[in-house]
Amino acid sequence: MNLTCIIVEDEPMSRRSLQRLCEQHSSLEVLGVFDNAIPALDYLAEHEVDLIWLDVEMPGLSGFDLLEQLPAIPYVILTTSKIEYAFEAFQYNVTDYLKKPITLPRFNIAVEKVLELHARPKSTSSDERKEIYIKTDGRYIRLPFDSISYVENTGDYVKIFTNSQTHVVYTTMKYLEEKLGLQFLRVHRSYIVHLDKIIDIEDNTLVINNKVIPISRANKPELMNRLNLL
């Protein structure tokens, strides 16, 4: 089984070393090598890859900036000389996190992890699942999709409003949007709503549970298309 991959790394020595490691591995096919995130983002707009080897700190766009702009995130192995990005990496569900300089044994472990995940049968898609699990107070709580009314972005956190409670979760709207099912829609940069919970719509606002939620001009056409209008 071959994995197609690209390398995004601004440090010349680290870039050459990583490229050499990839080219020597029988299961990796390097499709592109980039010294910053901007040309890599352009490449990914036109091509699909299985894996991105991604540096975190780069001029212009950081590695996290690149991930934020991707419509779908493939397997990602972050490479960095610092460990303080590990928690943020978790929010993007990256596959592995390697500290430079990268050793051959640690490189092989990361590749094997991706190969194992890639070989598994595809898990049930988000629109077939009926719930998500969120971590709070050291334990995971099950939230059925039908219990969620809307989600609000509050900077580094999102608030998930259910029928009876509010849960604060450290994650990104983009990541949560991918986890929710088809009955959810992002209607504004700060709001994701459960379509079945909408009470009414007027101009550029909608109401859910007495909460008035703005609808952005860019998102309104998709909202109206998703509703069963007479």
Foldseek 3Di string as FASTA:
>chain_A
DAFEEEEEAQDVVQQVVVVVLQVVDPRYDYPYYHNHLPVVLVVVVPDDGQEYEAEADDPPAGRVNSLVPDLDDHAYEYEYQDDPCVVVVVLSVHQYYYHPPHDNVNVVVSVVSSVVVVPDPDDDFLQPDQWDWADDPRDTDTDGLQQWFKWFDDDQWIWTDGPPDIDIHRHAPSSVVRNHHPQWDAQDNTMIGRVVQWDDDDDQWTDGPNDIHGGDPVRVVVSVVPDPDD
